Amino acid sequence: MNFCLRRIAKRPNAECFREAILLFASLVAGLALLAGTSGCGSARPIQYYQLSPPPPTTMSQEPLNVRILVRMPLASHIYREDRIVYSSDAREFGTYQTHRWVEPPVEILQSALVRGLRNSGRFSAVTNQRSDSNGEYLLASHLYDFNEVTGGSLAARLSYDVDLRELKTGKTVWSHSYNHDEPSTGKDMSSLVTAMDKNVQRSIQEIESGLDDYFKSHPPK
């Protein structure tokens, strides 16, 4: 190789040029392979987590003639993505790179509300709000917190407001605020997911009970 380089410096030679180009290409390919192997070895797999569906409730009463549409909750952009969010206080947030929900928290909460209210058996229909859906009431919500709280002890924080609106008049006829930190029994991600699962189920039960009380005092016509 040195002989070829000396010859190139004095007088171009096609064979030496070809040898230099091949050697350079081999070096580039080797470096690329080394970098790729190193990256694959250090990559961590992404793990996805989901909450359990609300359990069915046995109701002795006849369902109310009420159809409820459940709107997608309003929320910050961090809760419209699937990465699990953590916070050390009320002002600083971060997201895990390899721990994610199977769907964004806004969709998790909407699905939980639909399935929970539907499984209660108290309403004639409970569905997601769609362009072709019909109902007498709209359940709108605003999600504020759906994250892990770090610090001295770990907890799953859930905070959101819900409003029941009568579609015919556009008036809000019932409201409820939920805000609770469910302690985690461990420091691993599975324990956090279990805590968030309990938190969501607890919130659904409160909303279900509140709606039941409202319609008892305001029977649908």
N, C-alpha and C. Protein backbone atom coordinates (compact mmCIF):
# COMPACT_ATOMS: atom_id res chain seq x y z
N MET A 1 0.82 -1.20 0.00
CA MET A 1 0.00 0.00 0.00
C MET A 1 0.86 1.25 0.00
N ASN A 2 1.89 1.31 0.81
CA ASN A 2 2.79 2.45 0.84
C ASN A 2 3.44 2.65 -0.53
N PHE A 3 3.81 1.53 -1.19
CA PHE A 3 4.42 1.59 -2.51
C PHE A 3 3.46 2.24 -3.51
N CYS A 4 2.15 1.87 -3.42
CA CYS A 4 1.15 2.44 -4.31
C CYS A 4 0.97 3.92 -4.04
N LEU A 5 0.93 4.32 -2.77
CA LEU A 5 0.76 5.72 -2.44
C LEU A 5 1.92 6.55 -2.95
N ARG A 6 3.13 6.00 -2.84
CA ARG A 6 4.29 6.73 -3.36
C ARG A 6 4.19 6.87 -4.87
N ARG A 7 3.70 5.81 -5.52
CA ARG A 7 3.56 5.88 -6.97
C ARG A 7 2.47 6.87 -7.37
N ILE A 8 1.38 6.90 -6.59
CA ILE A 8 0.30 7.84 -6.88
C ILE A 8 0.79 9.27 -6.76
N ALA A 9 1.61 9.52 -5.72
CA ALA A 9 2.12 10.87 -5.52
C ALA A 9 2.98 11.30 -6.69
N LYS A 10 3.75 10.37 -7.27
CA LYS A 10 4.64 10.71 -8.37
C LYS A 10 3.91 10.67 -9.71
N ARG A 11 3.10 9.59 -9.92
CA ARG A 11 2.46 9.42 -11.20
C ARG A 11 1.20 8.56 -11.02
N PRO A 12 0.01 9.04 -11.39
CA PRO A 12 -1.22 8.27 -11.19
C PRO A 12 -1.14 6.90 -11.84
N ASN A 13 -1.71 5.95 -11.14
CA ASN A 13 -1.75 4.58 -11.63
C ASN A 13 -3.13 4.00 -11.34
N ALA A 14 -3.85 3.49 -12.34
CA ALA A 14 -5.23 3.02 -12.17
C ALA A 14 -5.32 1.88 -11.16
N GLU A 15 -4.34 0.97 -11.18
CA GLU A 15 -4.37 -0.17 -10.26
C GLU A 15 -4.24 0.29 -8.82
N CYS A 16 -3.34 1.26 -8.58
CA CYS A 16 -3.16 1.75 -7.21
C CYS A 16 -4.40 2.49 -6.75
N PHE A 17 -5.04 3.21 -7.66
CA PHE A 17 -6.27 3.90 -7.30
C PHE A 17 -7.34 2.91 -6.88
N ARG A 18 -7.49 1.86 -7.65
CA ARG A 18 -8.50 0.85 -7.33
C ARG A 18 -8.22 0.21 -5.98
N GLU A 19 -6.93 -0.07 -5.70
CA GLU A 19 -6.57 -0.69 -4.42
C GLU A 19 -6.86 0.25 -3.26
N ALA A 20 -6.59 1.53 -3.44
CA ALA A 20 -6.85 2.50 -2.36
C ALA A 20 -8.34 2.64 -2.11
N ILE A 21 -9.15 2.67 -3.17
CA ILE A 21 -10.59 2.81 -3.02
C ILE A 21 -11.19 1.59 -2.34
N LEU A 22 -10.75 0.39 -2.71
CA LEU A 22 -11.25 -0.83 -2.08
C LEU A 22 -10.91 -0.89 -0.60
N LEU A 23 -9.67 -0.48 -0.25
CA LEU A 23 -9.27 -0.48 1.15
C LEU A 23 -10.11 0.51 1.95
N PHE A 24 -10.35 1.69 1.38
CA PHE A 24 -11.16 2.70 2.06
C PHE A 24 -12.59 2.21 2.27
N ALA A 25 -13.17 1.57 1.25
CA ALA A 25 -14.53 1.05 1.36
C ALA A 25 -14.62 -0.04 2.43
N SER A 26 -13.56 -0.88 2.53
CA SER A 26 -13.55 -1.92 3.55
C SER A 26 -13.51 -1.33 4.94
N LEU A 27 -12.73 -0.26 5.12
CA LEU A 27 -12.65 0.40 6.43
C LEU A 27 -13.99 1.01 6.82
N VAL A 28 -14.67 1.67 5.86
CA VAL A 28 -15.97 2.27 6.14
C VAL A 28 -16.99 1.21 6.51
N ALA A 29 -17.02 0.10 5.77
CA ALA A 29 -17.96 -0.99 6.06
C ALA A 29 -17.71 -1.59 7.43
N GLY A 30 -16.43 -1.73 7.78
CA GLY A 30 -16.09 -2.29 9.08
C GLY A 30 -16.53 -1.39 10.22
N LEU A 31 -16.33 -0.10 10.08
CA LEU A 31 -16.76 0.84 11.11
C LEU A 31 -18.27 0.86 11.25
N ALA A 32 -18.99 0.79 10.12
CA ALA A 32 -20.45 0.78 10.16
C ALA A 32 -20.97 -0.47 10.86
N LEU A 33 -20.36 -1.60 10.56
CA LEU A 33 -20.76 -2.86 11.20
C LEU A 33 -20.50 -2.81 12.69
N LEU A 34 -19.37 -2.25 13.09
CA LEU A 34 -19.03 -2.15 14.51
C LEU A 34 -20.02 -1.26 15.24
N ALA A 35 -20.38 -0.13 14.61
CA ALA A 35 -21.33 0.79 15.24
C ALA A 35 -22.70 0.14 15.36
N GLY A 36 -23.13 -0.56 14.32
CA GLY A 36 -24.44 -1.21 14.36
C GLY A 36 -24.51 -2.29 15.41
N THR A 37 -23.44 -3.08 15.53
CA THR A 37 -23.41 -4.15 16.53
C THR A 37 -23.45 -3.57 17.93
N SER A 38 -22.71 -2.49 18.14
CA SER A 38 -22.69 -1.86 19.45
C SER A 38 -24.05 -1.31 19.82
N GLY A 39 -24.76 -0.68 18.84
CA GLY A 39 -26.08 -0.13 19.10
C GLY A 39 -27.10 -1.20 19.43
N CYS A 40 -27.06 -2.30 18.71
CA CYS A 40 -28.01 -3.39 18.96
C CYS A 40 -27.79 -3.99 20.33
N GLY A 41 -26.56 -4.08 20.74
CA GLY A 41 -26.26 -4.69 22.03
C GLY A 41 -26.74 -3.85 23.20
N SER A 42 -26.80 -2.52 23.03
CA SER A 42 -27.17 -1.64 24.13
C SER A 42 -28.65 -1.25 24.12
N ALA A 43 -29.39 -1.58 23.05
CA ALA A 43 -30.80 -1.20 22.96
C ALA A 43 -31.63 -1.99 23.96
N ARG A 44 -32.58 -1.30 24.60
CA ARG A 44 -33.48 -1.95 25.55
C ARG A 44 -34.86 -2.07 24.93
N PRO A 45 -35.52 -3.21 25.11
CA PRO A 45 -36.84 -3.38 24.50
C PRO A 45 -37.87 -2.49 25.18
N ILE A 46 -38.86 -2.06 24.40
CA ILE A 46 -39.95 -1.23 24.93
C ILE A 46 -41.01 -2.15 25.55
N GLN A 47 -41.44 -1.83 26.76
CA GLN A 47 -42.46 -2.60 27.46
C GLN A 47 -43.75 -1.79 27.51
N TYR A 48 -44.86 -2.46 27.21
CA TYR A 48 -46.16 -1.81 27.20
C TYR A 48 -47.03 -2.35 28.34
N TYR A 49 -47.87 -1.46 28.89
CA TYR A 49 -48.71 -1.82 30.03
C TYR A 49 -50.15 -1.39 29.76
N GLN A 50 -51.09 -2.15 30.29
CA GLN A 50 -52.50 -1.81 30.15
C GLN A 50 -53.22 -2.03 31.47
N LEU A 51 -54.36 -1.37 31.62
CA LEU A 51 -55.17 -1.51 32.82
C LEU A 51 -56.23 -2.58 32.59
N SER A 52 -56.73 -3.14 33.66
CA SER A 52 -57.75 -4.18 33.55
C SER A 52 -59.12 -3.54 33.31
N PRO A 53 -60.03 -4.22 32.62
CA PRO A 53 -61.36 -3.65 32.36
C PRO A 53 -62.17 -3.58 33.65
N PRO A 54 -63.09 -2.62 33.74
CA PRO A 54 -63.94 -2.52 34.94
C PRO A 54 -64.80 -3.77 35.08
N PRO A 55 -64.97 -4.27 36.29
CA PRO A 55 -65.79 -5.48 36.48
C PRO A 55 -67.26 -5.16 36.29
N PRO A 56 -68.04 -6.12 35.79
CA PRO A 56 -69.49 -5.90 35.64
C PRO A 56 -70.16 -5.78 36.99
N THR A 57 -71.22 -4.98 37.04
CA THR A 57 -71.97 -4.76 38.28
C THR A 57 -73.35 -5.36 38.13
N THR A 58 -73.79 -6.10 39.14
CA THR A 58 -75.12 -6.69 39.13
C THR A 58 -76.12 -5.67 39.66
N MET A 59 -77.03 -5.23 38.82
CA MET A 59 -78.03 -4.24 39.20
C MET A 59 -79.41 -4.90 39.28
N SER A 60 -80.12 -4.60 40.39
CA SER A 60 -81.46 -5.14 40.56
C SER A 60 -82.52 -4.23 39.94
N GLN A 61 -82.13 -2.97 39.62
CA GLN A 61 -83.08 -2.02 39.07
C GLN A 61 -83.05 -2.05 37.54
N GLU A 62 -84.15 -1.57 36.96
CA GLU A 62 -84.23 -1.47 35.52
C GLU A 62 -83.34 -0.31 35.05
N PRO A 63 -82.69 -0.45 33.89
CA PRO A 63 -81.85 0.65 33.40
C PRO A 63 -82.67 1.88 33.07
N LEU A 64 -82.07 3.05 33.30
CA LEU A 64 -82.72 4.31 32.99
C LEU A 64 -82.73 4.52 31.48
N ASN A 65 -83.76 5.18 31.00
CA ASN A 65 -83.86 5.48 29.57
C ASN A 65 -82.97 6.69 29.26
N VAL A 66 -81.66 6.48 29.39
CA VAL A 66 -80.69 7.55 29.21
C VAL A 66 -79.55 7.04 28.34
N ARG A 67 -79.21 7.82 27.32
CA ARG A 67 -78.07 7.50 26.46
C ARG A 67 -76.98 8.54 26.69
N ILE A 68 -75.80 8.07 27.07
CA ILE A 68 -74.69 8.97 27.40
C ILE A 68 -73.57 8.80 26.40
N LEU A 69 -73.10 9.91 25.87
CA LEU A 69 -71.93 9.93 25.00
C LEU A 69 -70.73 10.38 25.82
N VAL A 70 -69.63 9.70 25.68
CA VAL A 70 -68.42 10.03 26.45
C VAL A 70 -67.39 10.63 25.51
N ARG A 71 -67.03 11.88 25.76
CA ARG A 71 -66.07 12.58 24.91
C ARG A 71 -64.63 12.26 25.31
N MET A 72 -63.71 12.32 24.36
CA MET A 72 -62.29 12.17 24.66
C MET A 72 -61.87 13.28 25.62
N PRO A 73 -61.21 12.96 26.73
CA PRO A 73 -60.81 14.01 27.68
C PRO A 73 -59.85 15.02 27.07
N LEU A 74 -59.99 16.26 27.47
CA LEU A 74 -59.00 17.28 27.15
C LEU A 74 -57.80 17.05 28.07
N ALA A 75 -56.59 17.33 27.58
CA ALA A 75 -55.40 17.09 28.39
C ALA A 75 -54.18 17.72 27.75
N SER A 76 -53.11 17.83 28.54
CA SER A 76 -51.82 18.27 28.02
C SER A 76 -51.31 17.24 27.02
N HIS A 77 -50.38 17.68 26.14
CA HIS A 77 -49.88 16.77 25.10
C HIS A 77 -49.18 15.55 25.67
N ILE A 78 -48.61 15.64 26.90
CA ILE A 78 -47.90 14.48 27.46
C ILE A 78 -48.85 13.34 27.79
N TYR A 79 -50.14 13.65 27.95
CA TYR A 79 -51.12 12.60 28.20
C TYR A 79 -51.86 12.18 26.93
N ARG A 80 -51.44 12.77 25.81
CA ARG A 80 -51.97 12.32 24.51
C ARG A 80 -50.96 11.45 23.79
N GLU A 81 -49.88 11.08 24.48
CA GLU A 81 -48.87 10.16 23.97
C GLU A 81 -48.82 8.93 24.87
N ASP A 82 -48.14 7.87 24.41
CA ASP A 82 -48.21 6.60 25.15
C ASP A 82 -47.12 6.42 26.21
N ARG A 83 -46.14 7.32 26.29
CA ARG A 83 -45.07 7.15 27.28
C ARG A 83 -45.58 7.41 28.69
N ILE A 84 -45.15 6.58 29.64
CA ILE A 84 -45.56 6.75 31.03
C ILE A 84 -44.85 7.97 31.61
N VAL A 85 -45.63 8.82 32.27
CA VAL A 85 -45.13 10.09 32.79
C VAL A 85 -44.82 9.95 34.28
N TYR A 86 -43.74 10.60 34.71
CA TYR A 86 -43.41 10.65 36.13
C TYR A 86 -43.16 12.10 36.53
N SER A 87 -43.29 12.39 37.83
CA SER A 87 -43.04 13.74 38.33
C SER A 87 -42.50 13.65 39.75
N SER A 88 -41.59 14.56 40.06
CA SER A 88 -41.04 14.64 41.42
C SER A 88 -41.82 15.63 42.26
N ASP A 89 -42.51 16.57 41.63
CA ASP A 89 -43.38 17.52 42.29
C ASP A 89 -44.43 17.98 41.28
N ALA A 90 -45.12 19.07 41.61
CA ALA A 90 -46.20 19.53 40.73
C ALA A 90 -45.71 20.36 39.56
N ARG A 91 -44.40 20.61 39.45
CA ARG A 91 -43.88 21.50 38.42
C ARG A 91 -42.94 20.84 37.42
N GLU A 92 -42.37 19.70 37.76
CA GLU A 92 -41.38 19.07 36.90
C GLU A 92 -41.84 17.67 36.49
N PHE A 93 -41.88 17.42 35.18
CA PHE A 93 -42.34 16.15 34.65
C PHE A 93 -41.31 15.55 33.70
N GLY A 94 -41.37 14.24 33.56
CA GLY A 94 -40.53 13.53 32.61
C GLY A 94 -41.26 12.31 32.11
N THR A 95 -40.71 11.68 31.07
CA THR A 95 -41.33 10.48 30.52
C THR A 95 -40.31 9.36 30.40
N TYR A 96 -40.75 8.13 30.61
CA TYR A 96 -39.90 6.97 30.43
C TYR A 96 -39.78 6.67 28.94
N GLN A 97 -38.59 6.24 28.53
CA GLN A 97 -38.37 5.91 27.13
C GLN A 97 -38.85 4.51 26.78
N THR A 98 -38.69 3.57 27.70
CA THR A 98 -38.99 2.17 27.39
C THR A 98 -40.23 1.63 28.12
N HIS A 99 -40.88 2.45 28.94
CA HIS A 99 -42.11 2.04 29.62
C HIS A 99 -43.26 2.87 29.06
N ARG A 100 -44.23 2.19 28.44
CA ARG A 100 -45.31 2.91 27.77
C ARG A 100 -46.66 2.23 28.00
N TRP A 101 -47.72 3.03 27.91
CA TRP A 101 -49.07 2.48 27.95
C TRP A 101 -49.41 1.92 26.56
N VAL A 102 -50.35 0.99 26.52
CA VAL A 102 -50.76 0.43 25.23
C VAL A 102 -51.50 1.46 24.39
N GLU A 103 -52.04 2.50 25.05
CA GLU A 103 -52.65 3.62 24.36
C GLU A 103 -52.51 4.85 25.25
N PRO A 104 -52.62 6.04 24.70
CA PRO A 104 -52.45 7.26 25.50
C PRO A 104 -53.43 7.32 26.67
N PRO A 105 -53.05 7.98 27.78
CA PRO A 105 -53.94 8.07 28.94
C PRO A 105 -55.32 8.64 28.64
N VAL A 106 -55.42 9.60 27.70
CA VAL A 106 -56.75 10.14 27.39
C VAL A 106 -57.66 9.05 26.82
N GLU A 107 -57.10 8.14 26.05
CA GLU A 107 -57.89 7.04 25.49
C GLU A 107 -58.17 5.98 26.55
N ILE A 108 -57.21 5.76 27.44
CA ILE A 108 -57.43 4.81 28.54
C ILE A 108 -58.59 5.27 29.40
N LEU A 109 -58.60 6.57 29.75
CA LEU A 109 -59.66 7.08 30.62
C LEU A 109 -61.01 7.07 29.92
N GLN A 110 -61.06 7.43 28.66
CA GLN A 110 -62.32 7.40 27.92
C GLN A 110 -62.88 5.98 27.86
N SER A 111 -62.02 5.02 27.55
CA SER A 111 -62.46 3.62 27.49
C SER A 111 -62.95 3.13 28.84
N ALA A 112 -62.24 3.53 29.92
CA ALA A 112 -62.64 3.10 31.26
C ALA A 112 -64.00 3.68 31.64
N LEU A 113 -64.25 4.94 31.29
CA LEU A 113 -65.54 5.55 31.59
C LEU A 113 -66.66 4.86 30.82
N VAL A 114 -66.43 4.60 29.54
CA VAL A 114 -67.46 3.94 28.73
C VAL A 114 -67.77 2.55 29.27
N ARG A 115 -66.73 1.76 29.49
CA ARG A 115 -66.95 0.38 29.92
C ARG A 115 -67.50 0.31 31.33
N GLY A 116 -67.01 1.21 32.21
CA GLY A 116 -67.50 1.20 33.58
C GLY A 116 -68.97 1.58 33.68
N LEU A 117 -69.38 2.66 33.00
CA LEU A 117 -70.78 3.08 33.05
C LEU A 117 -71.67 2.08 32.32
N ARG A 118 -71.16 1.50 31.25
CA ARG A 118 -71.95 0.50 30.52
C ARG A 118 -72.14 -0.75 31.36
N ASN A 119 -71.07 -1.19 32.03
CA ASN A 119 -71.16 -2.40 32.85
C ASN A 119 -72.02 -2.22 34.10
N SER A 120 -72.28 -0.96 34.47
CA SER A 120 -73.13 -0.73 35.65
C SER A 120 -74.57 -1.16 35.39
N GLY A 121 -74.97 -1.18 34.12
CA GLY A 121 -76.34 -1.58 33.78
C GLY A 121 -77.38 -0.54 34.10
N ARG A 122 -76.99 0.69 34.48
CA ARG A 122 -77.94 1.71 34.90
C ARG A 122 -78.45 2.56 33.73
N PHE A 123 -77.79 2.47 32.57
CA PHE A 123 -78.14 3.34 31.45
C PHE A 123 -78.44 2.50 30.22
N SER A 124 -79.33 3.02 29.40
CA SER A 124 -79.73 2.24 28.22
C SER A 124 -78.61 2.14 27.20
N ALA A 125 -77.70 3.14 27.15
CA ALA A 125 -76.58 3.09 26.22
C ALA A 125 -75.49 4.04 26.69
N VAL A 126 -74.23 3.59 26.56
CA VAL A 126 -73.06 4.42 26.86
C VAL A 126 -72.05 4.14 25.75
N THR A 127 -71.70 5.17 24.99
CA THR A 127 -70.79 4.99 23.86
C THR A 127 -69.83 6.16 23.76
N ASN A 128 -68.74 5.95 22.99
CA ASN A 128 -67.84 7.06 22.67
C ASN A 128 -68.57 8.07 21.80
N GLN A 129 -68.19 9.34 21.98
CA GLN A 129 -68.77 10.36 21.11
C GLN A 129 -68.20 10.24 19.71
N ARG A 130 -69.06 10.11 18.73
CA ARG A 130 -68.68 10.04 17.32
C ARG A 130 -69.63 10.92 16.52
N SER A 131 -69.27 11.14 15.28
CA SER A 131 -70.11 12.00 14.44
C SER A 131 -71.48 11.39 14.18
N ASP A 132 -71.58 10.05 14.22
CA ASP A 132 -72.85 9.39 13.94
C ASP A 132 -73.54 8.89 15.20
N SER A 133 -73.05 9.26 16.39
CA SER A 133 -73.62 8.77 17.63
C SER A 133 -74.74 9.69 18.12
N ASN A 134 -75.70 9.12 18.83
CA ASN A 134 -76.84 9.87 19.36
C ASN A 134 -76.97 9.63 20.85
N GLY A 135 -77.43 10.65 21.54
CA GLY A 135 -77.63 10.53 22.97
C GLY A 135 -78.28 11.77 23.53
N GLU A 136 -78.75 11.66 24.79
CA GLU A 136 -79.35 12.81 25.46
C GLU A 136 -78.34 13.60 26.29
N TYR A 137 -77.24 12.94 26.67
CA TYR A 137 -76.26 13.58 27.54
C TYR A 137 -74.84 13.35 27.02
N LEU A 138 -73.98 14.32 27.31
CA LEU A 138 -72.57 14.22 26.97
C LEU A 138 -71.76 14.29 28.25
N LEU A 139 -70.87 13.30 28.45
CA LEU A 139 -69.96 13.32 29.60
C LEU A 139 -68.61 13.84 29.11
N ALA A 140 -68.29 15.08 29.47
CA ALA A 140 -67.03 15.71 29.08
C ALA A 140 -66.09 15.74 30.26
N SER A 141 -64.79 15.66 29.99
CA SER A 141 -63.81 15.63 31.09
C SER A 141 -62.53 16.36 30.70
N HIS A 142 -61.76 16.70 31.72
CA HIS A 142 -60.45 17.33 31.54
C HIS A 142 -59.47 16.60 32.44
N LEU A 143 -58.48 15.95 31.82
CA LEU A 143 -57.49 15.17 32.56
C LEU A 143 -56.30 16.07 32.91
N TYR A 144 -55.95 16.11 34.21
CA TYR A 144 -54.84 16.94 34.67
C TYR A 144 -53.60 16.12 35.04
N ASP A 145 -53.81 14.96 35.65
CA ASP A 145 -52.68 14.13 36.09
C ASP A 145 -53.00 12.66 35.85
N PHE A 146 -52.02 11.96 35.28
CA PHE A 146 -52.10 10.51 35.06
C PHE A 146 -50.66 10.03 35.06
N ASN A 147 -50.01 10.04 36.24
CA ASN A 147 -48.57 9.83 36.26
C ASN A 147 -48.09 9.23 37.58
N GLU A 148 -46.84 8.81 37.53
CA GLU A 148 -46.14 8.32 38.72
C GLU A 148 -45.62 9.52 39.50
N VAL A 149 -45.75 9.46 40.83
CA VAL A 149 -45.19 10.49 41.69
C VAL A 149 -44.01 9.88 42.43
N THR A 150 -42.82 10.42 42.19
CA THR A 150 -41.61 9.91 42.84
C THR A 150 -41.31 10.73 44.09
N GLY A 151 -40.38 10.21 44.90
CA GLY A 151 -40.02 10.89 46.14
C GLY A 151 -39.80 9.88 47.24
N GLY A 152 -40.23 10.24 48.45
CA GLY A 152 -40.07 9.33 49.58
C GLY A 152 -40.82 8.03 49.37
N SER A 153 -42.01 8.12 48.79
CA SER A 153 -42.80 6.92 48.48
C SER A 153 -43.42 7.12 47.09
N LEU A 154 -43.57 6.02 46.37
CA LEU A 154 -44.12 6.08 45.02
C LEU A 154 -45.65 5.99 45.06
N ALA A 155 -46.28 6.67 44.13
CA ALA A 155 -47.74 6.63 44.05
C ALA A 155 -48.18 6.90 42.62
N ALA A 156 -49.40 6.48 42.31
CA ALA A 156 -50.01 6.75 41.01
C ALA A 156 -51.01 7.88 41.21
N ARG A 157 -50.76 8.99 40.55
CA ARG A 157 -51.61 10.18 40.72
C ARG A 157 -52.61 10.28 39.57
N LEU A 158 -53.87 10.46 39.93
CA LEU A 158 -54.93 10.63 38.94
C LEU A 158 -55.78 11.82 39.34
N SER A 159 -55.96 12.76 38.42
CA SER A 159 -56.74 13.96 38.71
C SER A 159 -57.48 14.38 37.44
N TYR A 160 -58.80 14.51 37.54
CA TYR A 160 -59.58 14.98 36.40
C TYR A 160 -60.96 15.46 36.85
N ASP A 161 -61.55 16.32 36.02
CA ASP A 161 -62.91 16.83 36.24
C ASP A 161 -63.84 16.26 35.18
N VAL A 162 -65.08 16.03 35.56
CA VAL A 162 -66.09 15.56 34.61
C VAL A 162 -67.34 16.44 34.72
N ASP A 163 -67.98 16.68 33.58
CA ASP A 163 -69.24 17.42 33.52
C ASP A 163 -70.24 16.62 32.71
N LEU A 164 -71.46 16.56 33.20
CA LEU A 164 -72.55 15.95 32.44
C LEU A 164 -73.38 17.07 31.83
N ARG A 165 -73.46 17.08 30.51
CA ARG A 165 -74.16 18.14 29.80
C ARG A 165 -75.40 17.58 29.10
N GLU A 166 -76.48 18.31 29.24
CA GLU A 166 -77.70 17.94 28.53
C GLU A 166 -77.59 18.49 27.11
N LEU A 167 -77.59 17.62 26.14
CA LEU A 167 -77.34 18.03 24.77
C LEU A 167 -78.46 18.91 24.21
N LYS A 168 -79.68 18.70 24.64
CA LYS A 168 -80.79 19.48 24.12
C LYS A 168 -80.68 20.95 24.49
N THR A 169 -80.24 21.23 25.73
CA THR A 169 -80.16 22.61 26.21
C THR A 169 -78.73 23.14 26.23
N GLY A 170 -77.73 22.23 26.21
CA GLY A 170 -76.34 22.65 26.30
C GLY A 170 -75.89 22.98 27.71
N LYS A 171 -76.74 22.75 28.71
CA LYS A 171 -76.43 23.09 30.10
C LYS A 171 -75.66 21.96 30.79
N THR A 172 -74.76 22.34 31.68
CA THR A 172 -74.09 21.36 32.55
C THR A 172 -74.98 21.10 33.75
N VAL A 173 -75.41 19.86 33.91
CA VAL A 173 -76.38 19.53 34.96
C VAL A 173 -75.75 18.82 36.15
N TRP A 174 -74.51 18.34 35.97
CA TRP A 174 -73.83 17.64 37.07
C TRP A 174 -72.33 17.70 36.84
N SER A 175 -71.56 17.86 37.92
CA SER A 175 -70.10 17.93 37.83
C SER A 175 -69.47 17.16 38.97
N HIS A 176 -68.25 16.70 38.72
CA HIS A 176 -67.51 15.97 39.75
C HIS A 176 -66.02 16.14 39.52
N SER A 177 -65.25 16.28 40.60
CA SER A 177 -63.79 16.37 40.54
C SER A 177 -63.19 15.20 41.28
N TYR A 178 -62.21 14.57 40.64
CA TYR A 178 -61.51 13.44 41.26
C TYR A 178 -60.03 13.76 41.35
N ASN A 179 -59.43 13.55 42.53
CA ASN A 179 -58.02 13.82 42.74
C ASN A 179 -57.50 12.91 43.85
N HIS A 180 -56.67 11.92 43.46
CA HIS A 180 -56.22 10.95 44.46
C HIS A 180 -54.85 10.39 44.07
N ASP A 181 -53.99 10.20 45.07
CA ASP A 181 -52.71 9.51 44.91
C ASP A 181 -52.83 8.12 45.51
N GLU A 182 -52.74 7.10 44.66
CA GLU A 182 -52.82 5.71 45.12
C GLU A 182 -51.42 5.19 45.38
N PRO A 183 -51.09 4.83 46.64
CA PRO A 183 -49.73 4.36 46.95
C PRO A 183 -49.38 3.10 46.17
N SER A 184 -48.11 3.02 45.77
CA SER A 184 -47.61 1.83 45.08
C SER A 184 -47.02 0.89 46.12
N THR A 185 -47.29 -0.41 45.98
CA THR A 185 -46.80 -1.38 46.94
C THR A 185 -45.33 -1.75 46.70
N GLY A 186 -44.78 -1.36 45.57
CA GLY A 186 -43.38 -1.65 45.24
C GLY A 186 -42.78 -0.52 44.44
N LYS A 187 -41.51 -0.67 44.07
CA LYS A 187 -40.82 0.37 43.32
C LYS A 187 -40.64 0.00 41.85
N ASP A 188 -41.24 -1.11 41.43
CA ASP A 188 -41.14 -1.52 40.03
C ASP A 188 -42.34 -0.98 39.24
N MET A 189 -42.23 -1.02 37.93
CA MET A 189 -43.27 -0.46 37.07
C MET A 189 -44.58 -1.23 37.18
N SER A 190 -44.52 -2.53 37.36
CA SER A 190 -45.75 -3.31 37.50
C SER A 190 -46.57 -2.87 38.71
N SER A 191 -45.89 -2.52 39.80
CA SER A 191 -46.59 -2.05 40.99
C SER A 191 -47.26 -0.71 40.74
N LEU A 192 -46.58 0.15 39.98
CA LEU A 192 -47.18 1.43 39.63
C LEU A 192 -48.44 1.24 38.79
N VAL A 193 -48.37 0.34 37.81
CA VAL A 193 -49.52 0.09 36.95
C VAL A 193 -50.69 -0.45 37.77
N THR A 194 -50.42 -1.32 38.72
CA THR A 194 -51.47 -1.85 39.59
C THR A 194 -52.11 -0.73 40.41
N ALA A 195 -51.28 0.20 40.91
CA ALA A 195 -51.80 1.33 41.67
C ALA A 195 -52.67 2.22 40.80
N MET A 196 -52.23 2.49 39.57
CA MET A 196 -53.02 3.31 38.66
C MET A 196 -54.33 2.62 38.29
N ASP A 197 -54.28 1.31 38.16
CA ASP A 197 -55.49 0.53 37.87
C ASP A 197 -56.52 0.73 38.99
N LYS A 198 -56.07 0.62 40.24
CA LYS A 198 -56.97 0.83 41.38
C LYS A 198 -57.52 2.25 41.39
N ASN A 199 -56.67 3.20 41.05
CA ASN A 199 -57.07 4.60 41.06
C ASN A 199 -58.16 4.87 40.03
N VAL A 200 -57.97 4.37 38.82
CA VAL A 200 -58.96 4.56 37.77
C VAL A 200 -60.29 3.91 38.13
N GLN A 201 -60.24 2.68 38.66
CA GLN A 201 -61.47 1.98 39.03
C GLN A 201 -62.21 2.73 40.13
N ARG A 202 -61.45 3.27 41.07
CA ARG A 202 -62.07 4.02 42.15
C ARG A 202 -62.77 5.27 41.62
N SER A 203 -62.13 5.96 40.67
CA SER A 203 -62.75 7.16 40.11
C SER A 203 -64.02 6.82 39.34
N ILE A 204 -64.01 5.71 38.62
CA ILE A 204 -65.20 5.30 37.86
C ILE A 204 -66.37 5.01 38.80
N GLN A 205 -66.08 4.37 39.92
CA GLN A 205 -67.12 4.07 40.90
C GLN A 205 -67.74 5.34 41.47
N GLU A 206 -66.89 6.36 41.73
CA GLU A 206 -67.40 7.63 42.24
C GLU A 206 -68.31 8.30 41.21
N ILE A 207 -67.90 8.30 39.95
CA ILE A 207 -68.70 8.93 38.91
C ILE A 207 -70.00 8.17 38.69
N GLU A 208 -69.90 6.86 38.70
CA GLU A 208 -71.10 6.02 38.54
C GLU A 208 -72.11 6.30 39.65
N SER A 209 -71.61 6.40 40.89
CA SER A 209 -72.49 6.67 42.03
C SER A 209 -73.09 8.07 41.94
N GLY A 210 -72.27 9.05 41.53
CA GLY A 210 -72.77 10.41 41.42
C GLY A 210 -73.84 10.56 40.34
N LEU A 211 -73.65 9.91 39.20
CA LEU A 211 -74.65 9.96 38.14
C LEU A 211 -75.94 9.27 38.56
N ASP A 212 -75.81 8.19 39.29
CA ASP A 212 -76.99 7.47 39.76
C ASP A 212 -77.80 8.36 40.70
N ASP A 213 -77.11 9.07 41.60
CA ASP A 213 -77.80 9.97 42.53
C ASP A 213 -78.48 11.11 41.76
N TYR A 214 -77.80 11.63 40.73
CA TYR A 214 -78.39 12.74 39.96
C TYR A 214 -79.68 12.30 39.28
N PHE A 215 -79.67 11.16 38.62
CA PHE A 215 -80.85 10.74 37.88
C PHE A 215 -81.96 10.25 38.80
N LYS A 216 -81.63 9.91 40.03
CA LYS A 216 -82.68 9.57 40.99
C LYS A 216 -83.48 10.82 41.37
N SER A 217 -82.75 11.95 41.51
CA SER A 217 -83.41 13.20 41.86
C SER A 217 -83.92 13.96 40.63
N HIS A 218 -83.41 13.59 39.45
CA HIS A 218 -83.86 14.21 38.19
C HIS A 218 -84.19 13.09 37.19
N PRO A 219 -85.29 12.41 37.39
CA PRO A 219 -85.64 11.28 36.51
C PRO A 219 -85.79 11.74 35.07
N PRO A 220 -85.24 10.96 34.13
CA PRO A 220 -85.41 11.31 32.72
C PRO A 220 -86.86 11.22 32.31
N LYS A 221 -87.26 12.13 31.45
CA LYS A 221 -88.67 12.15 31.00
C LYS A 221 -88.90 11.13 29.91
